[in-house]
Amino acid sequence: GIPGIANFKVETVTPGDGKTFPTLGGSVTVHYTGRLTNGNVFDSSVTRGEPFVFNIGRGQVIRGWDEGVAKMSVGEKAMITCPPSYAYGARGFPPVIPANSTLVFEVELLAC
């Protein structure tokens, strides 16, 4: 198997509409809070008061987002756990994210 794949997971916190899902290459609008496994928040669109928009499946974001958000429906809030291979890997994202970090994102899909 692929190292770290067992650790990638998408857990629904609040269900969405169950029918409106992102399409490959389509634009999605999310609110998110990113945490390290120690609970420290490293980034949050909620704090900024500005949702984040990206095109899904195009490598504009980490793999965990491309694959995780694709499984969500509009209105859903989910916890997406991204092992290093689904996040920033061995390089991390200095100085905020150490090398080989597993990241936990609370993501709400606002629109797609």
Protein backbone atom coordinates (compact mmCIF):
# COMPACT_ATOMS: atom_id res chain seq x y z
CA GLY A 1 0.00 0.00 0.00
CA ILE A 2 0.90 3.67 -0.08
CA PRO A 3 2.55 4.90 3.12
CA GLY A 4 0.23 6.99 5.23
CA ILE A 5 -2.89 6.17 3.26
CA ALA A 6 -4.56 4.53 6.27
CA ASN A 7 -4.35 7.85 8.07
CA PHE A 8 -6.16 9.93 5.45
CA LYS A 9 -9.76 10.31 6.46
CA VAL A 10 -12.79 12.49 6.01
CA GLU A 11 -15.19 12.48 8.95
CA THR A 12 -18.52 14.28 8.64
CA VAL A 13 -19.27 16.62 11.54
CA THR A 14 -22.44 18.17 10.06
CA PRO A 15 -24.07 16.55 7.00
CA GLY A 16 -24.54 18.55 3.82
CA ASP A 17 -27.39 18.31 1.34
CA GLY A 18 -26.14 14.92 0.16
CA LYS A 19 -26.63 15.74 -3.52
CA THR A 20 -24.56 18.77 -4.52
CA PHE A 21 -20.97 17.58 -4.87
CA PRO A 22 -17.92 19.29 -6.39
CA THR A 23 -17.06 18.50 -9.99
CA LEU A 24 -13.49 17.91 -11.14
CA GLY A 25 -11.93 21.23 -12.09
CA GLY A 26 -14.92 23.13 -10.72
CA SER A 27 -14.72 26.00 -8.29
CA VAL A 28 -15.42 25.33 -4.61
CA THR A 29 -15.81 27.80 -1.75
CA VAL A 30 -14.83 26.64 1.74
CA HIS A 31 -14.26 27.90 5.23
CA TYR A 32 -11.51 26.04 7.07
CA THR A 33 -9.41 25.90 10.18
CA GLY A 34 -6.12 24.01 9.98
CA ARG A 35 -4.50 22.47 13.04
CA LEU A 36 -1.37 20.51 13.80
CA THR A 37 -1.96 17.26 15.71
CA ASN A 38 -0.99 19.10 18.92
CA GLY A 39 -4.08 21.28 18.41
CA ASN A 40 -2.22 24.46 17.40
CA VAL A 41 -4.10 26.40 14.73
CA PHE A 42 -1.77 27.39 11.86
CA ASP A 43 -4.32 28.89 9.48
CA SER A 44 -8.02 29.76 9.44
CA SER A 45 -10.24 31.41 6.84
CA VAL A 46 -12.86 31.78 9.58
CA THR A 47 -10.55 34.07 11.60
CA ARG A 48 -9.86 36.11 8.46
CA GLY A 49 -13.59 36.28 7.76
CA GLU A 50 -12.94 35.40 4.13
CA PRO A 51 -13.83 32.04 2.54
CA PHE A 52 -11.22 30.30 0.40
CA VAL A 53 -11.95 29.49 -3.26
CA PHE A 54 -10.07 26.95 -5.39
CA ASN A 55 -10.61 24.63 -8.35
CA ILE A 56 -10.86 21.03 -7.23
CA GLY A 57 -8.61 18.27 -8.57
CA ARG A 58 -6.15 20.67 -10.17
CA GLY A 59 -3.30 20.53 -7.65
CA GLN A 60 -3.94 24.10 -6.47
CA VAL A 61 -4.18 22.79 -2.91
CA ILE A 62 -2.75 19.84 -1.00
CA ARG A 63 -3.80 16.33 -2.07
CA GLY A 64 -5.87 15.86 1.09
CA TRP A 65 -8.05 18.81 0.09
CA ASP A 66 -8.39 17.78 -3.56
CA GLU A 67 -9.50 14.29 -2.49
CA GLY A 68 -11.28 15.16 0.76
CA VAL A 69 -13.41 18.11 -0.36
CA ALA A 70 -14.46 16.08 -3.43
CA LYS A 71 -16.30 13.71 -1.08
CA MET A 72 -18.27 16.52 0.59
CA SER A 73 -21.67 17.96 -0.33
CA VAL A 74 -22.74 21.60 0.02
CA GLY A 75 -23.35 22.62 3.62
CA GLU A 76 -21.26 19.75 4.98
CA LYS A 77 -18.71 20.35 7.69
CA ALA A 78 -16.02 17.68 7.97
CA MET A 79 -12.73 16.93 9.67
CA ILE A 80 -10.13 16.02 7.05
CA THR A 81 -7.04 14.31 8.44
CA CYS A 82 -4.07 14.63 6.07
CA PRO A 83 -0.93 12.56 6.67
CA PRO A 84 2.30 14.13 5.30
CA SER A 85 1.86 12.44 1.90
CA TYR A 86 -1.49 14.25 1.57
CA ALA A 87 -0.14 17.52 2.94
CA TYR A 88 3.31 19.16 2.78
CA GLY A 89 5.43 16.02 3.16
CA ALA A 90 9.07 16.11 4.17
CA ARG A 91 9.49 19.77 3.32
CA GLY A 92 6.68 20.98 5.56
CA PHE A 93 5.71 24.63 5.20
CA PRO A 94 8.30 26.55 7.24
CA PRO A 95 8.04 28.14 9.68
CA VAL A 96 4.41 27.25 10.27
CA ILE A 97 4.24 23.52 9.54
CA PRO A 98 7.10 21.22 10.56
CA ALA A 99 8.40 18.52 8.20
CA ASN A 100 6.36 15.31 8.04
CA SER A 101 3.35 16.81 9.80
CA THR A 102 -0.10 15.27 9.87
CA LEU A 103 -2.62 18.08 9.53
CA VAL A 104 -6.25 18.19 10.65
CA PHE A 105 -8.59 20.56 8.86
CA GLU A 106 -12.13 21.45 9.81
CA VAL A 107 -13.66 22.29 6.44
CA GLU A 108 -17.12 23.60 5.60
CA LEU A 109 -18.18 23.42 1.96
CA LEU A 110 -20.10 26.63 1.33
CA ALA A 111 -20.60 26.37 -2.43
CA CYS A 112 -19.54 24.37 -5.46
